Amino acid sequence: MERLLEEVRDGLRAAFDEPLRHGQLRELGLRDHDIQRLIRNGSLQRVHGRYLAGGLDGRLAEIRCALAAHPRSVVSHHTAAELNNLRVWSSSAADIPVSTAAVWLTCEPGPNRRNQKRDNLVLRRAGLPPADRRTLSGLPVTSIARTTVDLARELPLPEAIVTVDHALAVAVRREELELVLRRQRRWPGIRRAQRAIAFGDPRSESALESIARAVFEEAGLPAPVLQAQFWDGQWWGEERVDFWWPQFRTIAEADGLAKFEAPTVKQRRRVLRRAFERDQRLADRDLELVHFGWEDAVLRPDELAERLKAAFARGTRRTGPTPTWRTTDPHDPHHWPRPQAIPDLDATG
């Protein structure tokens, strides 16, 4: 930048509030070799045919340049979920032509507008009523409810339910999702989305738990109780189990590796010891206990279903006292999102 004329530098800084085209840089007095040099030294970055200051966060620059290249569009789908801090998971990224890391946009249908799929950009044409739009960090973004339903129309159930469960837990009421479903009642994928929204449960506390619920459903297993607690005769136990089938006296625990991570070996041993003691307390209730991880739910779902069926068969033969248990209803107000959990959005409509 120092090698540019002072008036060119000032004009460039003033213009960088918005992404610029190559011709606009030339109008400011930059020559082609100036532009290439600024890109090489990091003072300038080029994305989607637009230029922005090099110091801007790379992902934010991608999104802003994509919006500039497609006027009257809004950030949507996977990218809107990313900006809204919604949990998204995909096992099929290698099987689809577009990466979820691409910038996803939605624009109103109109002349010369068509769906696009490229490695770094996905553009969808669809209606965008004011209720489905928000502004987040200065960017036009689909609302959390609209984003959730869009992804539920796009993804298979095990992937969609990860976002639906998380949205219900931290950001939206089911009624808000149902309003979006009604507005999209004739859109592609709407039946898939309706199924995912109806299946959603805010008590799923991790992506693995959400995926496991979909695995159980697709395997034809009875729906488990989520987050059950047990009575030991004096008080309710502190531990809540991930999945509980009271009719089969069987518990299943989803064990992501993060559960056992600790900064030191000593602390990790303490975590493992507490997990062992917890399992022993549950076993003392004369219950079947099945642990599973990501590999089981994602890579070997049929084997996981068979393990659970075997546990159900063993559980029905147990003769110990039936444990007393409790859980909360997923529609309980205590599971409704807290206002402070919703991102600070400025409504645009």
Protein backbone atom coordinates (compact mmCIF):
# COMPACT_ATOMS: atom_id res chain seq x y z
CA MET A 1 0.00 0.00 0.00
CA GLU A 2 2.89 2.38 0.77
CA ARG A 3 3.99 2.40 -2.88
CA LEU A 4 0.61 3.74 -4.05
CA LEU A 5 -0.08 7.43 -4.44
CA GLU A 6 -1.62 8.92 -1.30
CA GLU A 7 -4.91 9.75 -3.02
CA VAL A 8 -5.13 6.18 -4.38
CA ARG A 9 -4.55 4.74 -0.89
CA ASP A 10 -7.19 7.01 0.62
CA GLY A 11 -9.70 6.12 -2.09
CA LEU A 12 -9.02 2.43 -1.66
CA ARG A 13 -9.50 2.54 2.12
CA ALA A 14 -12.73 4.51 1.77
CA ALA A 15 -14.11 2.14 -0.86
CA PHE A 16 -13.42 -1.06 1.08
CA ASP A 17 -16.68 -0.89 2.99
CA GLU A 18 -18.07 -3.03 0.15
CA PRO A 19 -16.46 -5.63 -2.15
CA LEU A 20 -15.10 -4.05 -5.34
CA ARG A 21 -14.89 -5.23 -8.94
CA HIS A 22 -11.66 -5.14 -10.92
CA GLY A 23 -12.93 -2.16 -12.92
CA GLN A 24 -13.67 -0.21 -9.74
CA LEU A 25 -10.09 -0.73 -8.55
CA ARG A 26 -8.86 0.60 -11.89
CA GLU A 27 -11.12 3.64 -11.53
CA LEU A 28 -9.47 4.34 -8.17
CA GLY A 29 -6.10 4.54 -9.93
CA LEU A 30 -4.71 1.03 -9.39
CA ARG A 31 -3.00 -0.67 -12.30
CA ASP A 32 -3.07 -4.42 -12.86
CA HIS A 33 0.41 -4.95 -11.47
CA ASP A 34 -0.59 -2.92 -8.37
CA ILE A 35 -3.55 -5.22 -7.81
CA GLN A 36 -1.44 -8.38 -8.18
CA ARG A 37 1.21 -7.02 -5.83
CA LEU A 38 -1.41 -6.13 -3.18
CA ILE A 39 -2.83 -9.65 -3.39
CA ARG A 40 0.65 -11.20 -3.04
CA ASN A 41 1.54 -9.14 0.04
CA GLY A 42 -1.84 -9.77 1.69
CA SER A 43 -3.17 -6.22 1.50
CA LEU A 44 -5.92 -7.35 -0.88
CA GLN A 45 -7.91 -10.56 -1.27
CA ARG A 46 -10.03 -11.70 -4.21
CA VAL A 47 -13.06 -13.98 -3.77
CA HIS A 48 -15.95 -14.66 -6.15
CA GLY A 49 -14.60 -12.08 -8.58
CA ARG A 50 -14.63 -9.30 -5.97
CA TYR A 51 -11.86 -7.64 -3.95
CA LEU A 52 -11.71 -6.81 -0.25
CA ALA A 53 -9.09 -5.67 2.25
CA GLY A 54 -6.64 -8.43 3.10
CA GLY A 55 -7.07 -7.97 6.86
CA LEU A 56 -10.72 -9.05 6.82
CA ASP A 57 -11.46 -12.56 8.14
CA GLY A 58 -11.22 -14.94 5.19
CA ARG A 59 -14.58 -16.63 5.75
CA LEU A 60 -16.37 -13.32 6.22
CA ALA A 61 -14.72 -12.03 3.04
CA GLU A 62 -15.98 -15.10 1.14
CA ILE A 63 -19.53 -14.47 2.29
CA ARG A 64 -19.49 -10.74 1.63
CA CYS A 65 -18.05 -11.18 -1.86
CA ALA A 66 -20.57 -13.90 -2.70
CA LEU A 67 -23.41 -11.59 -1.64
CA ALA A 68 -21.95 -8.79 -3.75
CA ALA A 69 -21.71 -11.10 -6.75
CA HIS A 70 -25.39 -12.09 -6.31
CA PRO A 71 -27.37 -8.96 -5.36
CA ARG A 72 -30.66 -9.32 -3.46
CA SER A 73 -29.62 -12.71 -2.10
CA VAL A 74 -29.33 -13.73 1.56
CA VAL A 75 -27.02 -16.15 3.38
CA SER A 76 -28.86 -19.44 3.90
CA HIS A 77 -28.64 -23.18 4.58
CA HIS A 78 -25.23 -24.38 5.88
CA THR A 79 -23.66 -20.92 5.89
CA ALA A 80 -26.57 -19.40 7.80
CA ALA A 81 -26.30 -22.23 10.33
CA GLU A 82 -22.59 -21.46 10.66
CA LEU A 83 -23.27 -17.76 11.34
CA ASN A 84 -26.08 -18.60 13.78
CA ASN A 85 -23.90 -21.13 15.65
CA LEU A 86 -26.29 -23.97 14.87
CA ARG A 87 -24.93 -27.49 15.08
CA VAL A 88 -24.56 -29.12 11.64
CA TRP A 89 -23.18 -32.53 10.81
CA SER A 90 -22.84 -34.36 7.52
CA SER A 91 -21.61 -37.85 6.71
CA SER A 92 -22.27 -37.55 2.98
CA ALA A 93 -20.04 -34.63 1.99
CA ALA A 94 -17.94 -36.95 -0.17
CA ASP A 95 -21.04 -38.16 -2.02
CA ILE A 96 -22.44 -34.77 -3.06
CA PRO A 97 -20.92 -32.43 -5.64
CA VAL A 98 -20.90 -29.35 -3.41
CA SER A 99 -19.05 -28.97 -0.13
CA THR A 100 -20.93 -27.74 2.92
CA ALA A 101 -18.02 -25.29 3.28
CA ALA A 102 -19.23 -23.47 0.16
CA VAL A 103 -21.12 -20.21 0.65
CA TRP A 104 -24.85 -21.00 0.48
CA LEU A 105 -27.19 -18.21 -0.67
CA THR A 106 -30.90 -17.94 -1.45
CA CYS A 107 -32.42 -15.38 -3.81
CA GLU A 108 -35.96 -14.57 -4.87
CA PRO A 109 -36.99 -16.17 -8.19
CA GLY A 110 -36.80 -13.82 -11.17
CA PRO A 111 -35.54 -13.32 -14.71
CA ASN A 112 -31.98 -14.47 -15.35
CA ARG A 113 -31.84 -16.14 -11.95
CA ARG A 114 -31.14 -19.84 -11.70
CA ASN A 115 -29.90 -22.35 -9.20
CA GLN A 116 -26.13 -22.71 -9.14
CA LYS A 117 -23.79 -25.34 -7.69
CA ARG A 118 -20.06 -24.79 -7.66
CA ASP A 119 -17.27 -25.89 -5.36
CA ASN A 120 -17.34 -22.58 -3.49
CA LEU A 121 -20.94 -21.39 -4.01
CA VAL A 122 -24.49 -22.75 -3.91
CA LEU A 123 -27.32 -20.44 -4.98
CA ARG A 124 -30.93 -21.47 -4.50
CA ARG A 125 -34.01 -19.69 -5.82
CA ALA A 126 -36.87 -19.57 -3.31
CA GLY A 127 -39.35 -17.21 -1.74
CA LEU A 128 -37.99 -15.01 1.05
CA PRO A 129 -40.83 -13.46 3.08
CA PRO A 130 -39.78 -10.80 5.59
CA ALA A 131 -40.40 -13.19 8.51
CA ASP A 132 -37.64 -15.45 7.16
CA ARG A 133 -34.96 -12.74 6.98
CA ARG A 134 -32.66 -11.26 9.59
CA THR A 135 -29.49 -9.19 9.70
CA LEU A 136 -26.56 -10.70 11.59
CA SER A 137 -23.21 -8.93 11.86
CA GLY A 138 -24.29 -6.67 9.03
CA LEU A 139 -25.12 -9.58 6.71
CA PRO A 140 -28.59 -10.57 5.41
CA VAL A 141 -29.22 -14.07 6.77
CA THR A 142 -32.19 -16.42 6.86
CA SER A 143 -33.80 -16.65 10.31
CA ILE A 144 -32.90 -19.55 12.56
CA ALA A 145 -36.29 -21.19 11.97
CA ARG A 146 -36.00 -20.81 8.19
CA THR A 147 -32.39 -22.05 8.23
CA THR A 148 -33.39 -25.13 10.23
CA VAL A 149 -36.25 -26.03 7.90
CA ASP A 150 -34.15 -25.39 4.78
CA LEU A 151 -31.54 -27.85 6.04
CA ALA A 152 -34.22 -30.34 7.06
CA ARG A 153 -35.52 -30.26 3.47
CA GLU A 154 -31.99 -30.69 2.13
CA LEU A 155 -30.53 -33.44 4.33
CA PRO A 156 -31.38 -37.05 5.20
CA LEU A 157 -32.92 -37.57 8.64
CA PRO A 158 -29.75 -38.54 10.61
CA GLU A 159 -28.07 -35.31 9.46
CA ALA A 160 -31.09 -33.02 9.61
CA ILE A 161 -32.01 -34.09 13.12
CA VAL A 162 -28.66 -32.85 14.44
CA THR A 163 -29.60 -29.29 13.49
CA VAL A 164 -33.28 -29.63 14.41
CA ASP A 165 -32.51 -30.92 17.93
CA HIS A 166 -29.96 -28.18 18.53
CA ALA A 167 -32.22 -25.42 17.22
CA LEU A 168 -35.05 -26.58 19.49
CA ALA A 169 -32.66 -26.63 22.44
CA VAL A 170 -31.09 -23.20 22.02
CA ALA A 171 -32.94 -20.98 19.60
CA VAL A 172 -36.50 -21.70 18.42
CA ARG A 173 -39.85 -23.09 19.49
CA ARG A 174 -41.37 -25.95 17.52
CA GLU A 175 -44.26 -23.65 16.62
CA GLU A 176 -41.86 -21.33 14.79
CA LEU A 177 -40.57 -24.23 12.72
CA GLU A 178 -44.11 -25.33 11.94
CA LEU A 179 -44.94 -21.83 10.65
CA VAL A 180 -42.05 -22.08 8.19
CA LEU A 181 -43.19 -25.57 7.18
CA ARG A 182 -46.64 -24.22 6.35
CA ARG A 183 -45.14 -21.46 4.20
CA GLN A 184 -43.11 -24.08 2.33
CA ARG A 185 -45.83 -26.73 2.10
CA ARG A 186 -45.34 -27.30 -1.66
CA TRP A 187 -41.55 -26.96 -1.76
CA PRO A 188 -39.15 -29.81 -2.63
CA GLY A 189 -38.17 -31.93 0.38
CA ILE A 190 -41.02 -30.66 2.57
CA ARG A 191 -42.13 -34.13 3.68
CA ARG A 192 -38.58 -34.92 4.75
CA ALA A 193 -38.51 -31.66 6.73
CA GLN A 194 -41.89 -32.34 8.34
CA ARG A 195 -40.64 -35.71 9.52
CA ALA A 196 -37.44 -34.21 10.95
CA ILE A 197 -39.26 -31.39 12.78
CA ALA A 198 -41.80 -33.81 14.27
CA PHE A 199 -38.97 -36.11 15.34
CA GLY A 200 -36.87 -33.30 16.88
CA ASP A 201 -36.24 -33.34 20.63
CA PRO A 202 -34.42 -30.59 22.56
CA ARG A 203 -33.23 -33.12 25.13
CA SER A 204 -30.59 -34.52 22.75
CA GLU A 205 -27.41 -33.00 24.13
CA SER A 206 -24.94 -33.81 21.34
CA ALA A 207 -24.73 -34.54 17.64
CA LEU A 208 -24.02 -38.20 18.45
CA GLU A 209 -27.20 -38.50 20.52
CA SER A 210 -29.24 -36.97 17.68
CA ILE A 211 -27.72 -39.30 15.09
CA ALA A 212 -28.29 -42.30 17.36
CA ARG A 213 -31.99 -41.47 17.69
CA ALA A 214 -32.28 -41.49 13.90
CA VAL A 215 -30.41 -44.82 13.76
CA PHE A 216 -32.85 -46.33 16.29
CA GLU A 217 -35.81 -45.01 14.28
CA GLU A 218 -34.54 -46.35 10.96
CA ALA A 219 -33.77 -49.74 12.55
CA GLY A 220 -37.35 -50.00 13.79
CA LEU A 221 -36.39 -49.93 17.48
CA PRO A 222 -38.87 -48.55 20.02
CA ALA A 223 -38.31 -44.89 20.84
CA PRO A 224 -36.19 -44.51 23.99
CA VAL A 225 -36.78 -42.15 26.89
CA LEU A 226 -34.18 -39.37 26.88
CA GLN A 227 -32.26 -38.05 29.88
CA ALA A 228 -33.85 -40.32 32.49
CA GLN A 229 -32.90 -40.19 36.19
CA PHE A 230 -33.28 -42.99 38.74
CA TRP A 231 -34.52 -42.97 42.35
CA ASP A 232 -32.30 -44.76 44.83
CA GLY A 233 -34.75 -44.78 47.74
CA GLN A 234 -33.64 -41.45 49.23
CA TRP A 235 -33.04 -39.05 46.34
CA TRP A 236 -32.82 -38.83 42.58
CA GLY A 237 -29.43 -39.88 41.27
CA GLU A 238 -27.25 -37.14 39.83
CA GLU A 239 -26.56 -38.96 36.60
CA ARG A 240 -28.95 -38.77 33.65
CA VAL A 241 -28.72 -41.52 31.08
CA ASP A 242 -28.78 -40.72 27.36
CA PHE A 243 -31.31 -43.41 26.37
CA TRP A 244 -33.59 -45.57 28.51
CA TRP A 245 -35.98 -48.34 27.46
CA PRO A 246 -37.94 -49.12 30.65
CA GLN A 247 -39.85 -52.01 29.01
CA PHE A 248 -36.50 -53.73 28.36
CA ARG A 249 -34.61 -52.46 31.45
CA THR A 250 -31.90 -51.25 29.07
CA ILE A 251 -29.75 -48.12 29.03
CA ALA A 252 -27.61 -46.89 26.12
CA GLU A 253 -24.91 -44.27 26.49
CA ALA A 254 -23.49 -42.26 23.58
CA ASP A 255 -19.78 -41.85 24.27
CA GLY A 256 -18.10 -39.23 22.14
CA LEU A 257 -14.34 -39.04 22.70
CA ALA A 258 -14.67 -35.50 24.08
CA LYS A 259 -16.34 -37.00 27.15
CA PHE A 260 -13.00 -38.49 28.25
CA GLU A 261 -10.66 -35.67 27.27
CA ALA A 262 -8.68 -33.90 29.99
CA PRO A 263 -5.62 -31.60 29.98
CA THR A 264 -3.45 -33.95 32.07
CA VAL A 265 -3.04 -37.71 32.52
CA LYS A 266 -4.08 -37.42 36.17
CA GLN A 267 -7.29 -35.60 35.30
CA ARG A 268 -8.06 -38.10 32.54
CA ARG A 269 -7.69 -40.95 35.00
CA ARG A 270 -10.11 -39.15 37.31
CA VAL A 271 -12.63 -38.79 34.47
CA LEU A 272 -12.33 -42.48 33.59
CA ARG A 273 -12.67 -43.45 37.26
CA ARG A 274 -15.87 -41.41 37.61
CA ALA A 275 -17.25 -43.04 34.45
CA PHE A 276 -16.46 -46.50 35.86
CA GLU A 277 -18.17 -45.67 39.18
CA ARG A 278 -21.20 -44.32 37.33
CA ASP A 279 -21.51 -47.51 35.30
CA GLN A 280 -21.26 -49.56 38.47
CA ARG A 281 -24.11 -47.62 40.11
CA LEU A 282 -26.28 -48.23 37.05
CA ALA A 283 -25.33 -51.92 36.91
CA ASP A 284 -26.30 -52.28 40.58
CA ARG A 285 -29.88 -51.48 39.53
CA ASP A 286 -29.98 -54.78 37.63
CA LEU A 287 -30.08 -53.07 34.22
CA GLU A 288 -28.54 -53.74 30.82
CA LEU A 289 -26.00 -51.08 29.81
CA VAL A 290 -24.80 -50.55 26.22
CA HIS A 291 -22.04 -48.07 25.37
CA PHE A 292 -21.47 -46.92 21.79
CA GLY A 293 -19.49 -44.26 19.95
CA TRP A 294 -19.33 -42.43 16.64
CA GLU A 295 -18.02 -45.41 14.72
CA ASP A 296 -20.92 -47.57 15.90
CA ALA A 297 -23.66 -45.06 15.03
CA VAL A 298 -22.18 -43.83 11.74
CA LEU A 299 -20.21 -46.75 10.30
CA ARG A 300 -21.93 -49.77 11.86
CA PRO A 301 -25.54 -48.78 12.59
CA ASP A 302 -26.90 -52.26 11.84
CA GLU A 303 -24.49 -53.82 14.32
CA LEU A 304 -25.47 -51.24 16.93
CA ALA A 305 -29.15 -52.08 16.42
CA GLU A 306 -28.40 -55.79 16.85
CA ARG A 307 -26.44 -55.12 20.06
CA LEU A 308 -29.43 -53.24 21.45
CA LYS A 309 -31.86 -55.99 20.47
CA ALA A 310 -29.67 -58.51 22.28
CA ALA A 311 -29.61 -56.25 25.33
CA PHE A 312 -33.41 -55.95 25.19
CA ALA A 313 -33.71 -59.74 25.21
CA ARG A 314 -31.39 -60.02 28.22
CA GLY A 315 -33.15 -57.17 30.00
CA THR A 316 -36.57 -58.79 29.79
CA ARG A 317 -35.16 -61.81 31.62
CA ARG A 318 -33.91 -59.77 34.57
CA THR A 319 -35.93 -60.23 37.76
CA GLY A 320 -34.66 -57.49 40.08
CA PRO A 321 -36.89 -54.69 41.40
CA THR A 322 -38.19 -52.39 38.67
CA PRO A 323 -36.33 -49.07 39.03
CA THR A 324 -38.20 -45.83 39.62
CA TRP A 325 -37.31 -43.23 37.02
CA ARG A 326 -38.33 -39.83 35.72
CA THR A 327 -37.68 -37.50 32.79
CA THR A 328 -39.10 -34.28 31.40
CA ASP A 329 -41.46 -33.84 28.49
CA PRO A 330 -39.78 -32.34 25.40
CA HIS A 331 -42.60 -29.78 25.32
CA ASP A 332 -41.92 -28.75 28.92
CA PRO A 333 -41.30 -24.95 29.13
CA HIS A 334 -38.00 -25.72 30.87
CA HIS A 335 -36.77 -26.97 27.49
CA TRP A 336 -37.84 -23.85 25.62
CA PRO A 337 -34.93 -21.75 24.39
CA ARG A 338 -33.79 -19.00 26.71
CA PRO A 339 -33.85 -15.52 25.13
CA GLN A 340 -30.15 -14.94 25.79
CA ALA A 341 -29.30 -18.06 23.78
CA ILE A 342 -30.58 -16.48 20.55
CA PRO A 343 -27.94 -14.57 18.54
CA ASP A 344 -28.28 -10.80 18.57
CA LEU A 345 -30.23 -10.28 15.37
CA ASP A 346 -31.51 -7.04 13.91
CA ALA A 347 -34.77 -7.66 12.08
CA THR A 348 -34.89 -6.40 8.54
CA GLY A 349 -38.55 -7.05 7.96
